[in-house]
C-alpha atoms as a PDB file:
ATOM      1  CA  MET A   1     122.846 -15.640 -10.530  1.00  0.00           C
ATOM      2  CA  THR A   2     120.679 -18.296  -8.954  1.00  0.00           C
ATOM      3  CA  VAL A   3     118.308 -20.605 -10.780  1.00  0.00           C
ATOM      4  CA  GLN A   4     115.458 -18.827  -9.004  1.00  0.00           C
ATOM      5  CA  THR A   5     116.557 -15.456 -10.373  1.00  0.00           C
ATOM      6  CA  GLN A   6     117.075 -16.855 -13.857  1.00  0.00           C
ATOM      7  CA  LEU A   7     113.597 -18.376 -13.855  1.00  0.00           C
ATOM      8  CA  GLN A   8     112.049 -15.147 -12.595  1.00  0.00           C
ATOM      9  CA  GLN A   9     113.743 -13.247 -15.414  1.00  0.00           C
ATOM     10  CA  ALA A  10     112.690 -15.843 -17.983  1.00  0.00           C
ATOM     11  CA  ILE A  11     109.078 -15.654 -16.778  1.00  0.00           C
ATOM     12  CA  ALA A  12     109.088 -11.857 -16.956  1.00  0.00           C
ATOM     13  CA  SER A  13     110.544 -11.965 -20.468  1.00  0.00           C
ATOM     14  CA  ALA A  14     108.026 -14.576 -21.593  1.00  0.00           C
ATOM     15  CA  GLN A  15     105.154 -12.471 -20.220  1.00  0.00           C
ATOM     16  CA  SER A  16     106.504  -9.429 -22.049  1.00  0.00           C
ATOM     17  CA  VAL A  17     106.671 -11.318 -25.346  1.00  0.00           C
ATOM     18  CA  GLN A  18     103.126 -12.578 -24.836  1.00  0.00           C
ATOM     19  CA  ALA A  19     101.869  -9.047 -24.150  1.00  0.00           C
ATOM     20  CA  SER A  20     103.604  -7.727 -27.258  1.00  0.00           C
ATOM     21  CA  LEU A  21     102.128 -10.438 -29.460  1.00  0.00           C
ATOM     22  CA  THR A  22      98.667  -9.787 -28.063  1.00  0.00           C
ATOM     23  CA  GLN A  23      99.081  -6.069 -28.705  1.00  0.00           C
ATOM     24  CA  PHE A  24     100.227  -6.737 -32.264  1.00  0.00           C
ATOM     25  CA  SER A  25      97.140  -8.865 -32.883  1.00  0.00           C
ATOM     26  CA  LEU A  26      94.901  -6.063 -31.639  1.00  0.00           C
ATOM     27  CA  GLU A  27      96.597  -3.378 -33.711  1.00  0.00           C
ATOM     28  CA  THR A  28      96.743  -5.082 -37.088  1.00  0.00           C
ATOM     29  CA  GLU A  29      93.886  -5.022 -39.531  1.00  0.00           C
ATOM     30  CA  ASN A  30      95.321  -7.821 -41.667  1.00  0.00           C
ATOM     31  CA  GLN A  31      93.344 -10.907 -40.681  1.00  0.00           C
ATOM     32  CA  ASP A  32      96.141 -13.340 -41.525  1.00  0.00           C
ATOM     33  CA  ALA A  33      98.604 -11.390 -39.399  1.00  0.00           C
ATOM     34  CA  LYS A  34      96.025 -11.067 -36.608  1.00  0.00           C
ATOM     35  CA  GLN A  35      95.543 -14.850 -36.558  1.00  0.00           C
ATOM     36  CA  LEU A  36      99.294 -15.415 -36.611  1.00  0.00           C
ATOM     37  CA  PHE A  37      99.862 -13.083 -33.652  1.00  0.00           C
ATOM     38  CA  GLU A  38      96.978 -14.644 -31.718  1.00  0.00           C
ATOM     39  CA  ASN A  39      98.391 -18.133 -32.290  1.00  0.00           C
ATOM     40  CA  LEU A  40     101.875 -17.018 -31.266  1.00  0.00           C
ATOM     41  CA  ALA A  41     100.488 -15.335 -28.130  1.00  0.00           C
ATOM     42  CA  THR A  42      98.726 -18.568 -27.188  1.00  0.00           C
ATOM     43  CA  GLN A  43     101.912 -20.556 -27.684  1.00  0.00           C
ATOM     44  CA  GLN A  44     103.814 -18.013 -25.620  1.00  0.00           C
ATOM     45  CA  LYS A  45     101.227 -18.291 -22.835  1.00  0.00           C
ATOM     46  CA  ASN A  46     101.857 -22.048 -22.780  1.00  0.00           C
ATOM     47  CA  ILE A  47     105.604 -21.433 -22.511  1.00  0.00           C
ATOM     48  CA  THR A  48     105.037 -18.979 -19.658  1.00  0.00           C
ATOM     49  CA  THR A  49     102.872 -21.540 -17.852  1.00  0.00           C
ATOM     50  CA  LEU A  50     105.600 -24.170 -18.202  1.00  0.00           C
ATOM     51  CA  LEU A  51     108.220 -21.779 -16.831  1.00  0.00           C
ATOM     52  CA  GLU A  52     105.978 -20.882 -13.901  1.00  0.00           C
ATOM     53  CA  GLY A  53     105.485 -24.583 -13.172  1.00  0.00           C
ATOM     54  CA  ARG A  54     109.223 -25.157 -13.199  1.00  0.00           C
ATOM     55  CA  TYR A  55     109.695 -22.167 -10.891  1.00  0.00           C
ATOM     56  CA  GLN A  56     107.230 -23.639  -8.394  1.00  0.00           C
ATOM     57  CA  GLN A  57     108.987 -26.996  -8.642  1.00  0.00           C
ATOM     58  CA  VAL A  58     112.350 -25.368  -7.860  1.00  0.00           C
ATOM     59  CA  LEU A  59     110.826 -23.626  -4.847  1.00  0.00           C
ATOM     60  CA  GLN A  60     109.552 -26.958  -3.525  1.00  0.00           C
ATOM     61  CA  GLU A  61     112.795 -28.814  -4.179  1.00  0.00           C
ATOM     62  CA  GLU A  62     115.040 -26.065  -2.807  1.00  0.00           C
ATOM     63  CA  PRO A  63     113.550 -24.753   0.459  1.00  0.00           C
ATOM     64  CA  GLN A  64     116.289 -22.133   0.841  1.00  0.00           C
ATOM     65  CA  PHE A  65     114.769 -20.243  -2.100  1.00  0.00           C
ATOM     66  CA  ASN A  66     111.492 -19.802  -0.198  1.00  0.00           C
ATOM     67  CA  GLN A  67     113.279 -17.833   2.514  1.00  0.00           C
ATOM     68  CA  SER A  68     113.917 -14.950   0.121  1.00  0.00           C
ATOM     69  CA  ASN A  69     110.244 -14.665  -0.924  1.00  0.00           C
END
């Protein structure tokens, strides 16, 4: 498995976690839990952004990966 593939999978997983946390925050009526899920979703969005940045960096550093896109 290439670094590109691993990063793509990590990004997809991170996006899925973020979506789940957002959904949890919308479905709960407990305000403390809602705030917790919202905060976690925001943190997860930051993680996803970092992974996406690293993915772009890999694409720039390793031109052979761009050929498969």
